[in-house]
PDB file of N, CA and C in Angstrom:
ATOM      1  N   MET A   1      95.269 155.453  24.074  1.00  0.00           N
ATOM      2  CA  MET A   1      96.581 155.513  24.681  1.00  0.00           C
ATOM      3  C   MET A   1      97.276 156.793  24.208  1.00  0.00           C
ATOM      4  N   GLY A   2      96.936 157.924  24.757  1.00  0.00           N
ATOM      5  CA  GLY A   2      97.424 159.204  24.309  1.00  0.00           C
ATOM      6  C   GLY A   2      98.838 159.537  24.727  1.00  0.00           C
ATOM      7  N   THR A   3      99.539 158.630  25.382  1.00  0.00           N
ATOM      8  CA  THR A   3     100.892 158.918  25.851  1.00  0.00           C
ATOM      9  C   THR A   3     101.969 158.473  24.872  1.00  0.00           C
ATOM     10  N   GLU A   4     101.578 157.950  23.707  1.00  0.00           N
ATOM     11  CA  GLU A   4     102.564 157.493  22.728  1.00  0.00           C
ATOM     12  C   GLU A   4     103.324 158.679  22.160  1.00  0.00           C
ATOM     13  N   PRO A   5     104.622 158.528  21.911  1.00  0.00           N
ATOM     14  CA  PRO A   5     105.400 159.641  21.366  1.00  0.00           C
ATOM     15  C   PRO A   5     104.991 159.958  19.944  1.00  0.00           C
ATOM     16  N   ARG A   6     105.227 161.187  19.557  1.00  0.00           N
ATOM     17  CA  ARG A   6     104.938 161.603  18.188  1.00  0.00           C
ATOM     18  C   ARG A   6     106.225 161.515  17.383  1.00  0.00           C
ATOM     19  N   LEU A   7     106.164 160.769  16.304  1.00  0.00           N
ATOM     20  CA  LEU A   7     107.316 160.640  15.433  1.00  0.00           C
ATOM     21  C   LEU A   7     107.242 161.728  14.377  1.00  0.00           C
ATOM     22  N   GLY A   8     108.382 162.275  14.050  1.00  0.00           N
ATOM     23  CA  GLY A   8     108.438 163.317  13.031  1.00  0.00           C
ATOM     24  C   GLY A   8     108.483 162.720  11.645  1.00  0.00           C
ATOM     25  N   SER A   9     108.956 163.520  10.708  1.00  0.00           N
ATOM     26  CA  SER A   9     108.993 163.067   9.315  1.00  0.00           C
ATOM     27  C   SER A   9     110.380 162.556   8.932  1.00  0.00           C
ATOM     28  N   LYS A  10     111.224 162.307   9.928  1.00  0.00           N
ATOM     29  CA  LYS A  10     112.562 161.800   9.639  1.00  0.00           C
ATOM     30  C   LYS A  10     112.484 160.384   9.087  1.00  0.00           C
ATOM     31  N   VAL A  11     113.451 160.040   8.266  1.00  0.00           N
ATOM     32  CA  VAL A  11     113.512 158.694   7.709  1.00  0.00           C
ATOM     33  C   VAL A  11     114.074 157.725   8.744  1.00  0.00           C
ATOM     34  N   PHE A  12     115.095 158.161   9.464  1.00  0.00           N
ATOM     35  CA  PHE A  12     115.684 157.283  10.470  1.00  0.00           C
ATOM     36  C   PHE A  12     116.038 158.070  11.722  1.00  0.00           C
ATOM     37  N   TYR A  13     116.165 157.326  12.817  1.00  0.00           N
ATOM     38  CA  TYR A  13     116.447 157.896  14.124  1.00  0.00           C
ATOM     39  C   TYR A  13     117.615 157.143  14.737  1.00  0.00           C
ATOM     40  N   LYS A  14     118.518 157.860  15.374  1.00  0.00           N
ATOM     41  CA  LYS A  14     119.633 157.233  16.076  1.00  0.00           C
ATOM     42  C   LYS A  14     119.143 156.699  17.412  1.00  0.00           C
ATOM     43  N   ILE A  15     119.922 155.831  18.026  1.00  0.00           N
ATOM     44  CA  ILE A  15     119.481 155.142  19.233  1.00  0.00           C
ATOM     45  C   ILE A  15     119.167 156.114  20.379  1.00  0.00           C
ATOM     46  N   GLY A  16     119.911 157.204  20.491  1.00  0.00           N
ATOM     47  CA  GLY A  16     119.627 158.183  21.537  1.00  0.00           C
ATOM     48  C   GLY A  16     118.262 158.826  21.360  1.00  0.00           C
ATOM     49  N   GLU A  17     117.900 159.101  20.111  1.00  0.00           N
ATOM     50  CA  GLU A  17     116.580 159.674  19.818  1.00  0.00           C
ATOM     51  C   GLU A  17     115.474 158.665  20.135  1.00  0.00           C
ATOM     52  N   VAL A  18     115.714 157.417  19.783  1.00  0.00           N
ATOM     53  CA  VAL A  18     114.731 156.369  20.061  1.00  0.00           C
ATOM     54  C   VAL A  18     114.599 156.185  21.568  1.00  0.00           C
ATOM     55  N   SER A  19     115.709 156.267  22.272  1.00  0.00           N
ATOM     56  CA  SER A  19     115.696 156.160  23.724  1.00  0.00           C
ATOM     57  C   SER A  19     114.808 157.249  24.326  1.00  0.00           C
ATOM     58  N   ARG A  20     114.964 158.479  23.859  1.00  0.00           N
ATOM     59  CA  ARG A  20     114.136 159.583  24.368  1.00  0.00           C
ATOM     60  C   ARG A  20     112.674 159.404  23.984  1.00  0.00           C
ATOM     61  N   LEU A  21     112.417 159.026  22.721  1.00  0.00           N
ATOM     62  CA  LEU A  21     111.042 158.856  22.254  1.00  0.00           C
ATOM     63  C   LEU A  21     110.293 157.770  23.018  1.00  0.00           C
ATOM     64  N   THR A  22     110.988 156.673  23.299  1.00  0.00           N
ATOM     65  CA  THR A  22     110.336 155.515  23.927  1.00  0.00           C
ATOM     66  C   THR A  22     110.479 155.504  25.445  1.00  0.00           C
ATOM     67  N   ARG A  23     111.315 156.423  25.949  1.00  0.00           N
ATOM     68  CA  ARG A  23     111.607 156.479  27.394  1.00  0.00           C
ATOM     69  C   ARG A  23     112.182 155.163  27.897  1.00  0.00           C
ATOM     70  N   LEU A  24     113.100 154.634  27.091  1.00  0.00           N
ATOM     71  CA  LEU A  24     113.827 153.414  27.444  1.00  0.00           C
ATOM     72  C   LEU A  24     115.318 153.713  27.349  1.00  0.00           C
ATOM     73  N   PRO A  25     116.120 153.215  28.280  1.00  0.00           N
ATOM     74  CA  PRO A  25     117.569 153.420  28.172  1.00  0.00           C
ATOM     75  C   PRO A  25     118.126 152.730  26.919  1.00  0.00           C
ATOM     76  N   SER A  26     119.180 153.299  26.379  1.00  0.00           N
ATOM     77  CA  SER A  26     119.802 152.728  25.175  1.00  0.00           C
ATOM     78  C   SER A  26     120.226 151.280  25.391  1.00  0.00           C
ATOM     79  N   TYR A  27     120.695 150.962  26.598  1.00  0.00           N
ATOM     80  CA  TYR A  27     121.145 149.586  26.836  1.00  0.00           C
ATOM     81  C   TYR A  27     119.980 148.597  26.740  1.00  0.00           C
ATOM     82  N   VAL A  28     118.774 149.036  27.081  1.00  0.00           N
ATOM     83  CA  VAL A  28     117.605 148.165  26.953  1.00  0.00           C
ATOM     84  C   VAL A  28     117.320 147.914  25.472  1.00  0.00           C
ATOM     85  N   LEU A  29     117.413 148.963  24.668  1.00  0.00           N
ATOM     86  CA  LEU A  29     117.196 148.798  23.218  1.00  0.00           C
ATOM     87  C   LEU A  29     118.216 147.825  22.628  1.00  0.00           C
ATOM     88  N   ARG A  30     119.480 147.977  23.022  1.00  0.00           N
ATOM     89  CA  ARG A  30     120.517 147.062  22.513  1.00  0.00           C
ATOM     90  C   ARG A  30     120.267 145.629  22.994  1.00  0.00           C
ATOM     91  N   PHE A  31     119.835 145.478  24.256  1.00  0.00           N
ATOM     92  CA  PHE A  31     119.538 144.149  24.785  1.00  0.00           C
ATOM     93  C   PHE A  31     118.380 143.520  24.003  1.00  0.00           C
ATOM     94  N   TRP A  32     117.342 144.300  23.741  1.00  0.00           N
ATOM     95  CA  TRP A  32     116.206 143.758  23.003  1.00  0.00           C
ATOM     96  C   TRP A  32     116.610 143.325  21.607  1.00  0.00           C
ATOM     97  N   GLU A  33     117.542 144.034  20.993  1.00  0.00           N
ATOM     98  CA  GLU A  33     118.033 143.607  19.674  1.00  0.00           C
ATOM     99  C   GLU A  33     118.635 142.210  19.766  1.00  0.00           C
ATOM    100  N   SER A  34     119.322 141.929  20.876  1.00  0.00           N
ATOM    101  CA  SER A  34     119.953 140.613  21.036  1.00  0.00           C
ATOM    102  C   SER A  34     118.916 139.529  21.337  1.00  0.00           C
ATOM    103  N   GLN A  35     117.765 139.920  21.842  1.00  0.00           N
ATOM    104  CA  GLN A  35     116.742 138.958  22.230  1.00  0.00           C
ATOM    105  C   GLN A  35     115.688 138.706  21.150  1.00  0.00           C
ATOM    106  N   PHE A  36     115.424 139.715  20.340  1.00  0.00           N
ATOM    107  CA  PHE A  36     114.360 139.624  19.337  1.00  0.00           C
ATOM    108  C   PHE A  36     114.972 139.725  17.947  1.00  0.00           C
ATOM    109  N   ALA A  37     114.994 138.616  17.243  1.00  0.00           N
ATOM    110  CA  ALA A  37     115.636 138.559  15.925  1.00  0.00           C
ATOM    111  C   ALA A  37     114.993 139.524  14.930  1.00  0.00           C
ATOM    112  N   PHE A  38     113.739 139.845  15.116  1.00  0.00           N
ATOM    113  CA  PHE A  38     113.027 140.721  14.185  1.00  0.00           C
ATOM    114  C   PHE A  38     113.321 142.199  14.428  1.00  0.00           C
ATOM    115  N   LEU A  39     113.989 142.526  15.528  1.00  0.00           N
ATOM    116  CA  LEU A  39     114.327 143.927  15.834  1.00  0.00           C
ATOM    117  C   LEU A  39     115.786 144.153  15.459  1.00  0.00           C
ATOM    118  N   LYS A  40     115.996 144.532  14.226  1.00  0.00           N
ATOM    119  CA  LYS A  40     117.352 144.736  13.702  1.00  0.00           C
ATOM    120  C   LYS A  40     117.412 146.057  12.953  1.00  0.00           C
ATOM    121  N   PRO A  41     117.671 147.158  13.668  1.00  0.00           N
ATOM    122  CA  PRO A  41     117.789 148.426  12.937  1.00  0.00           C
ATOM    123  C   PRO A  41     118.977 148.377  11.984  1.00  0.00           C
ATOM    124  N   LYS A  42     118.860 149.158  10.918  1.00  0.00           N
ATOM    125  CA  LYS A  42     119.973 149.255   9.968  1.00  0.00           C
ATOM    126  C   LYS A  42     121.161 149.872  10.688  1.00  0.00           C
ATOM    127  N   LYS A  43     122.342 149.736  10.087  1.00  0.00           N
ATOM    128  CA  LYS A  43     123.540 150.364  10.655  1.00  0.00           C
ATOM    129  C   LYS A  43     124.146 151.284   9.605  1.00  0.00           C
ATOM    130  N   SER A  44     124.615 152.438  10.060  1.00  0.00           N
ATOM    131  CA  SER A  44     125.259 153.389   9.158  1.00  0.00           C
ATOM    132  C   SER A  44     126.682 152.924   8.884  1.00  0.00           C
ATOM    133  N   ARG A  45     127.352 153.628   7.988  1.00  0.00           N
ATOM    134  CA  ARG A  45     128.762 153.298   7.716  1.00  0.00           C
ATOM    135  C   ARG A  45     129.596 153.409   8.987  1.00  0.00           C
ATOM    136  N   GLY A  46     129.219 154.347   9.846  1.00  0.00           N
ATOM    137  CA  GLY A  46     129.923 154.521  11.117  1.00  0.00           C
ATOM    138  C   GLY A  46     129.450 153.564  12.191  1.00  0.00           C
ATOM    139  N   ASN A  47     128.629 152.574  11.810  1.00  0.00           N
ATOM    140  CA  ASN A  47     128.132 151.525  12.694  1.00  0.00           C
ATOM    141  C   ASN A  47     127.132 152.044  13.730  1.00  0.00           C
ATOM    142  N   GLN A  48     126.479 153.179  13.449  1.00  0.00           N
ATOM    143  CA  GLN A  48     125.421 153.672  14.341  1.00  0.00           C
ATOM    144  C   GLN A  48     124.103 153.029  13.941  1.00  0.00           C
ATOM    145  N   ARG A  49     123.305 152.705  14.959  1.00  0.00           N
ATOM    146  CA  ARG A  49     122.000 152.126  14.688  1.00  0.00           C
ATOM    147  C   ARG A  49     121.089 153.184  14.079  1.00  0.00           C
ATOM    148  N   LEU A  50     120.343 152.779  13.051  1.00  0.00           N
ATOM    149  CA  LEU A  50     119.412 153.679  12.384  1.00  0.00           C
ATOM    150  C   LEU A  50     118.032 153.031  12.398  1.00  0.00           C
ATOM    151  N   TYR A  51     117.190 153.519  13.277  1.00  0.00           N
ATOM    152  CA  TYR A  51     115.840 152.987  13.420  1.00  0.00           C
ATOM    153  C   TYR A  51     114.900 153.712  12.471  1.00  0.00           C
ATOM    154  N   VAL A  52     114.029 152.962  11.805  1.00  0.00           N
ATOM    155  CA  VAL A  52     112.959 153.560  11.006  1.00  0.00           C
ATOM    156  C   VAL A  52     111.696 153.517  11.859  1.00  0.00           C
ATOM    157  N   GLN A  53     110.657 154.181  11.394  1.00  0.00           N
ATOM    158  CA  GLN A  53     109.427 154.279  12.176  1.00  0.00           C
ATOM    159  C   GLN A  53     108.888 152.901  12.569  1.00  0.00           C
ATOM    160  N   ARG A  54     108.953 151.950  11.661  1.00  0.00           N
ATOM    161  CA  ARG A  54     108.455 150.599  11.961  1.00  0.00           C
ATOM    162  C   ARG A  54     109.217 149.982  13.139  1.00  0.00           C
ATOM    163  N   ASP A  55     110.537 150.215  13.207  1.00  0.00           N
ATOM    164  CA  ASP A  55     111.331 149.707  14.323  1.00  0.00           C
ATOM    165  C   ASP A  55     110.865 150.319  15.643  1.00  0.00           C
ATOM    166  N   ILE A  56     110.600 151.622  15.618  1.00  0.00           N
ATOM    167  CA  ILE A  56     110.174 152.313  16.834  1.00  0.00           C
ATOM    168  C   ILE A  56     108.800 151.817  17.276  1.00  0.00           C
ATOM    169  N   GLU A  57     107.920 151.602  16.328  1.00  0.00           N
ATOM    170  CA  GLU A  57     106.601 151.050  16.654  1.00  0.00           C
ATOM    171  C   GLU A  57     106.738 149.658  17.276  1.00  0.00           C
ATOM    172  N   THR A  58     107.660 148.862  16.765  1.00  0.00           N
ATOM    173  CA  THR A  58     107.913 147.534  17.318  1.00  0.00           C
ATOM    174  C   THR A  58     108.432 147.643  18.744  1.00  0.00           C
ATOM    175  N   VAL A  59     109.383 148.556  18.981  1.00  0.00           N
ATOM    176  CA  VAL A  59     109.918 148.770  20.334  1.00  0.00           C
ATOM    177  C   VAL A  59     108.789 149.143  21.287  1.00  0.00           C
ATOM    178  N   LEU A  60     107.915 150.040  20.857  1.00  0.00           N
ATOM    179  CA  LEU A  60     106.801 150.460  21.715  1.00  0.00           C
ATOM    180  C   LEU A  60     105.846 149.307  22.006  1.00  0.00           C
ATOM    181  N   GLN A  61     105.655 148.436  21.021  1.00  0.00           N
ATOM    182  CA  GLN A  61     104.781 147.291  21.255  1.00  0.00           C
ATOM    183  C   GLN A  61     105.429 146.307  22.230  1.00  0.00           C
ATOM    184  N   ILE A  62     106.723 146.076  22.080  1.00  0.00           N
ATOM    185  CA  ILE A  62     107.433 145.198  23.026  1.00  0.00           C
ATOM    186  C   ILE A  62     107.356 145.795  24.429  1.00  0.00           C
ATOM    187  N   LYS A  63     107.593 147.088  24.532  1.00  0.00           N
ATOM    188  CA  LYS A  63     107.543 147.772  25.835  1.00  0.00           C
ATOM    189  C   LYS A  63     106.167 147.592  26.479  1.00  0.00           C
ATOM    190  N   ARG A  64     105.122 147.809  25.700  1.00  0.00           N
ATOM    191  CA  ARG A  64     103.763 147.657  26.221  1.00  0.00           C
ATOM    192  C   ARG A  64     103.516 146.226  26.703  1.00  0.00           C
ATOM    193  N   MET A  65     103.947 145.253  25.889  1.00  0.00           N
ATOM    194  CA  MET A  65     103.712 143.858  26.250  1.00  0.00           C
ATOM    195  C   MET A  65     104.466 143.470  27.525  1.00  0.00           C
ATOM    196  N   LEU A  66     105.708 143.942  27.652  1.00  0.00           N
ATOM    197  CA  LEU A  66     106.517 143.588  28.817  1.00  0.00           C
ATOM    198  C   LEU A  66     106.115 144.367  30.066  1.00  0.00           C
ATOM    199  N   TYR A  67     106.000 145.674  29.932  1.00  0.00           N
ATOM    200  CA  TYR A  67     105.818 146.526  31.111  1.00  0.00           C
ATOM    201  C   TYR A  67     104.359 146.718  31.505  1.00  0.00           C
ATOM    202  N   ASP A  68     103.478 146.884  30.526  1.00  0.00           N
ATOM    203  CA  ASP A  68     102.072 147.153  30.848  1.00  0.00           C
ATOM    204  C   ASP A  68     101.259 145.869  31.001  1.00  0.00           C
ATOM    205  N   GLU A  69     101.517 144.893  30.121  1.00  0.00           N
ATOM    206  CA  GLU A  69     100.716 143.672  30.123  1.00  0.00           C
ATOM    207  C   GLU A  69     101.349 142.538  30.921  1.00  0.00           C
ATOM    208  N   GLY A  70     102.619 142.692  31.301  1.00  0.00           N
ATOM    209  CA  GLY A  70     103.267 141.711  32.165  1.00  0.00           C
ATOM    210  C   GLY A  70     103.732 140.431  31.506  1.00  0.00           C
ATOM    211  N   HIS A  71     103.904 140.428  30.178  1.00  0.00           N
ATOM    212  CA  HIS A  71     104.411 139.237  29.502  1.00  0.00           C
ATOM    213  C   HIS A  71     105.893 139.056  29.810  1.00  0.00           C
ATOM    214  N   THR A  72     106.366 137.841  29.683  1.00  0.00           N
ATOM    215  CA  THR A  72     107.792 137.555  29.835  1.00  0.00           C
ATOM    216  C   THR A  72     108.485 137.748  28.491  1.00  0.00           C
ATOM    217  N   LEU A  73     109.819 137.798  28.523  1.00  0.00           N
ATOM    218  CA  LEU A  73     110.580 137.876  27.269  1.00  0.00           C
ATOM    219  C   LEU A  73     110.227 136.695  26.365  1.00  0.00           C
ATOM    220  N   GLU A  74     110.187 135.502  26.940  1.00  0.00           N
ATOM    221  CA  GLU A  74     109.875 134.308  26.149  1.00  0.00           C
ATOM    222  C   GLU A  74     108.475 134.382  25.569  1.00  0.00           C
ATOM    223  N   GLY A  75     107.535 134.904  26.328  1.00  0.00           N
ATOM    224  CA  GLY A  75     106.170 135.049  25.840  1.00  0.00           C
ATOM    225  C   GLY A  75     106.090 136.016  24.667  1.00  0.00           C
ATOM    226  N   VAL A  76     106.819 137.123  24.755  1.00  0.00           N
ATOM    227  CA  VAL A  76     106.832 138.093  23.662  1.00  0.00           C
ATOM    228  C   VAL A  76     107.488 137.475  22.427  1.00  0.00           C
ATOM    229  N   LYS A  77     108.573 136.729  22.631  1.00  0.00           N
ATOM    230  CA  LYS A  77     109.229 136.061  21.497  1.00  0.00           C
ATOM    231  C   LYS A  77     108.264 135.107  20.805  1.00  0.00           C
ATOM    232  N   ARG A  78     107.546 134.300  21.598  1.00  0.00           N
ATOM    233  CA  ARG A  78     106.589 133.344  21.020  1.00  0.00           C
ATOM    234  C   ARG A  78     105.493 134.081  20.251  1.00  0.00           C
ATOM    235  N   TYR A  79     105.006 135.176  20.817  1.00  0.00           N
ATOM    236  CA  TYR A  79     103.967 135.968  20.147  1.00  0.00           C
ATOM    237  C   TYR A  79     104.449 136.425  18.776  1.00  0.00           C
ATOM    238  N   TRP A  80     105.674 136.972  18.719  1.00  0.00           N
ATOM    239  CA  TRP A  80     106.178 137.507  17.455  1.00  0.00           C
ATOM    240  C   TRP A  80     106.469 136.406  16.450  1.00  0.00           C
ATOM    241  N   VAL A  81     106.894 135.231  16.908  1.00  0.00           N
ATOM    242  CA  VAL A  81     107.116 134.115  15.990  1.00  0.00           C
ATOM    243  C   VAL A  81     105.784 133.698  15.377  1.00  0.00           C
ATOM    244  N   ARG A  82     104.764 133.547  16.215  1.00  0.00           N
ATOM    245  CA  ARG A  82     103.433 133.174  15.702  1.00  0.00           C
ATOM    246  C   ARG A  82     102.902 134.253  14.774  1.00  0.00           C
ATOM    247  N   ARG A  83     103.065 135.502  15.158  1.00  0.00           N
ATOM    248  CA  ARG A  83     102.569 136.618  14.352  1.00  0.00           C
ATOM    249  C   ARG A  83     103.294 136.664  13.011  1.00  0.00           C
ATOM    250  N   GLY A  84     104.587 136.457  13.026  1.00  0.00           N
ATOM    251  CA  GLY A  84     105.368 136.475  11.795  1.00  0.00           C
ATOM    252  C   GLY A  84     104.962 135.380  10.844  1.00  0.00           C
ATOM    253  N   ARG A  85     104.789 134.197  11.368  1.00  0.00           N
ATOM    254  CA  ARG A  85     104.378 133.076  10.516  1.00  0.00           C
ATOM    255  C   ARG A  85     102.994 133.302   9.959  1.00  0.00           C
ATOM    256  N   ALA A  86     102.083 133.767  10.809  1.00  0.00           N
ATOM    257  CA  ALA A  86     100.705 133.963  10.361  1.00  0.00           C
ATOM    258  C   ALA A  86     100.626 135.082   9.338  1.00  0.00           C
ATOM    259  N   SER A  87     101.342 136.169   9.577  1.00  0.00           N
ATOM    260  CA  SER A  87     101.208 137.312   8.675  1.00  0.00           C
ATOM    261  C   SER A  87     101.817 137.024   7.308  1.00  0.00           C
ATOM    262  N   THR A  88     102.902 136.236   7.235  1.00  0.00           N
ATOM    263  CA  THR A  88     103.482 135.961   5.926  1.00  0.00           C
ATOM    264  C   THR A  88     102.596 135.012   5.126  1.00  0.00           C
ATOM    265  N   ARG A  89     101.871 134.141   5.789  1.00  0.00           N
ATOM    266  CA  ARG A  89     100.972 133.242   5.079  1.00  0.00           C
ATOM    267  C   ARG A  89      99.779 133.985   4.505  1.00  0.00           C
ATOM    268  N   ARG A  90      99.346 135.035   5.146  1.00  0.00           N
ATOM    269  CA  ARG A  90      98.144 135.747   4.727  1.00  0.00           C
ATOM    270  C   ARG A  90      98.416 136.826   3.687  1.00  0.00           C
ATOM    271  N   LEU A  91      99.643 137.241   3.533  1.00  0.00           N
ATOM    272  CA  LEU A  91      99.935 138.327   2.599  1.00  0.00           C
ATOM    273  C   LEU A  91      99.734 137.869   1.164  1.00  0.00           C
ATOM    274  N   LYS A  92      99.092 138.727   0.397  1.00  0.00           N
ATOM    275  CA  LYS A  92      98.919 138.468  -1.030  1.00  0.00           C
ATOM    276  C   LYS A  92     100.155 138.993  -1.744  1.00  0.00           C
ATOM    277  N   PRO A  93     100.445 138.466  -2.922  1.00  0.00           N
ATOM    278  CA  PRO A  93     101.635 138.920  -3.652  1.00  0.00           C
ATOM    279  C   PRO A  93     101.698 140.435  -3.824  1.00  0.00           C
ATOM    280  N   ARG A  94     100.583 141.078  -4.079  1.00  0.00           N
ATOM    281  CA  ARG A  94     100.566 142.528  -4.249  1.00  0.00           C
ATOM    282  C   ARG A  94     100.958 143.228  -2.941  1.00  0.00           C
ATOM    283  N   GLU A  95     100.492 142.692  -1.794  1.00  0.00           N
ATOM    284  CA  GLU A  95     100.833 143.278  -0.496  1.00  0.00           C
ATOM    285  C   GLU A  95     102.319 143.100  -0.188  1.00  0.00           C
ATOM    286  N   ILE A  96     102.856 141.936  -0.534  1.00  0.00           N
ATOM    287  CA  ILE A  96     104.286 141.687  -0.331  1.00  0.00           C
ATOM    288  C   ILE A  96     105.105 142.657  -1.170  1.00  0.00           C
ATOM    289  N   ALA A  97     104.704 142.858  -2.431  1.00  0.00           N
ATOM    290  CA  ALA A  97     105.417 143.797  -3.310  1.00  0.00           C
ATOM    291  C   ALA A  97     105.355 145.212  -2.750  1.00  0.00           C
ATOM    292  N   LYS A  98     104.201 145.609  -2.244  1.00  0.00           N
ATOM    293  CA  LYS A  98     104.043 146.955  -1.671  1.00  0.00           C
ATOM    294  C   LYS A  98     104.950 147.126  -0.449  1.00  0.00           C
ATOM    295  N   LYS A  99     105.005 146.116   0.400  1.00  0.00           N
ATOM    296  CA  LYS A  99     105.856 146.169   1.596  1.00  0.00           C
ATOM    297  C   LYS A  99     107.323 146.258   1.189  1.00  0.00           C
ATOM    298  N   LEU A 100     107.734 145.442   0.243  1.00  0.00           N
ATOM    299  CA  LEU A 100     109.119 145.469  -0.217  1.00  0.00           C
ATOM    300  C   LEU A 100     109.467 146.805  -0.859  1.00  0.00           C
ATOM    301  N   ARG A 101     108.548 147.358  -1.630  1.00  0.00           N
ATOM    302  CA  ARG A 101     108.771 148.666  -2.259  1.00  0.00           C
ATOM    303  C   ARG A 101     108.996 149.731  -1.186  1.00  0.00           C
ATOM    304  N   GLY A 102     108.192 149.709  -0.138  1.00  0.00           N
ATOM    305  CA  GLY A 102     108.350 150.662   0.961  1.00  0.00           C
ATOM    306  C   GLY A 102     109.692 150.505   1.649  1.00  0.00           C
ATOM    307  N   ASP A 103     110.102 149.263   1.905  1.00  0.00           N
ATOM    308  CA  ASP A 103     111.399 149.009   2.534  1.00  0.00           C
ATOM    309  C   ASP A 103     112.541 149.512   1.653  1.00  0.00           C
ATOM    310  N   LEU A 104     112.428 149.268   0.350  1.00  0.00           N
ATOM    311  CA  LEU A 104     113.471 149.726  -0.576  1.00  0.00           C
ATOM    312  C   LEU A 104     113.541 151.253  -0.627  1.00  0.00           C
ATOM    313  N   GLN A 105     112.403 151.920  -0.550  1.00  0.00           N
ATOM    314  CA  GLN A 105     112.403 153.391  -0.547  1.00  0.00           C
ATOM    315  C   GLN A 105     113.113 153.932   0.688  1.00  0.00           C
ATOM    316  N   VAL A 106     112.895 153.303   1.825  1.00  0.00           N
ATOM    317  CA  VAL A 106     113.576 153.712   3.059  1.00  0.00           C
ATOM    318  C   VAL A 106     115.082 153.519   2.907  1.00  0.00           C
ATOM    319  N   ILE A 107     115.480 152.386   2.360  1.00  0.00           N
ATOM    320  CA  ILE A 107     116.906 152.104   2.168  1.00  0.00           C
ATOM    321  C   ILE A 107     117.528 153.118   1.221  1.00  0.00           C
ATOM    322  N   LEU A 108     116.838 153.452   0.132  1.00  0.00           N
ATOM    323  CA  LEU A 108     117.356 154.443  -0.818  1.00  0.00           C
ATOM    324  C   LEU A 108     117.507 155.810  -0.164  1.00  0.00           C
ATOM    325  N   LYS A 109     116.564 156.200   0.684  1.00  0.00           N
ATOM    326  CA  LYS A 109     116.669 157.481   1.379  1.00  0.00           C
ATOM    327  C   LYS A 109     117.867 157.494   2.321  1.00  0.00           C
ATOM    328  N   ILE A 110     118.116 156.385   2.984  1.00  0.00           N
ATOM    329  CA  ILE A 110     119.274 156.291   3.874  1.00  0.00           C
ATOM    330  C   ILE A 110     120.556 156.417   3.062  1.00  0.00           C
ATOM    331  N   ILE A 111     120.615 155.708   1.951  1.00  0.00           N
ATOM    332  CA  ILE A 111     121.806 155.756   1.096  1.00  0.00           C
ATOM    333  C   ILE A 111     122.010 157.170   0.570  1.00  0.00           C
ATOM    334  N   ASP A 112     120.939 157.795   0.095  1.00  0.00           N
ATOM    335  CA  ASP A 112     121.031 159.162  -0.416  1.00  0.00           C
ATOM    336  C   ASP A 112     121.497 160.143   0.654  1.00  0.00           C
ATOM    337  N   SER A 113     121.013 159.974   1.869  1.00  0.00           N
ATOM    338  CA  SER A 113     121.390 160.908   2.943  1.00  0.00           C
ATOM    339  C   SER A 113     122.855 160.761   3.327  1.00  0.00           C
ATOM    340  N   HIS A 114     123.430 159.595   3.106  1.00  0.00           N
ATOM    341  CA  HIS A 114     124.842 159.370   3.448  1.00  0.00           C
ATOM    342  C   HIS A 114     125.783 159.707   2.297  1.00  0.00           C
ATOM    343  N   SER A 115     125.259 159.792   1.090  1.00  0.00           N
ATOM    344  CA  SER A 115     126.130 160.060  -0.049  1.00  0.00           C
ATOM    345  C   SER A 115     126.236 161.559  -0.360  1.00  0.00           C
ATOM    346  N   SER A 116     125.427 162.349   0.318  1.00  0.00           N
ATOM    347  CA  SER A 116     125.450 163.813   0.076  1.00  0.00           C
ATOM    348  C   SER A 116     126.632 164.473   0.734  1.00  0.00           C
TER     349      SER A 116
END
């Protein structure tokens, strides 16, 4: 699938950038946030959405499932609920710690970028 956008080395992306990268209107991204509990980009002090790479990858997967594979919103929700439950059961403590460490590093970079 060579048509996927290339993400740079930025820590976070604003909704307009994500809209351009994913070729989805901003209102669709906001609607999906209301529909998918797991899609919750961070918010800046100014209340702007701040997407990290994982969020963008999730958006692209939702887009593929809805537009290319023809799943319904409810079908995608069910898939992610099953996937979430299954993946948390399979994670080993070391993997959970590694994931949390990565999330904390992203949060620290966001905080650092706003405090400068």
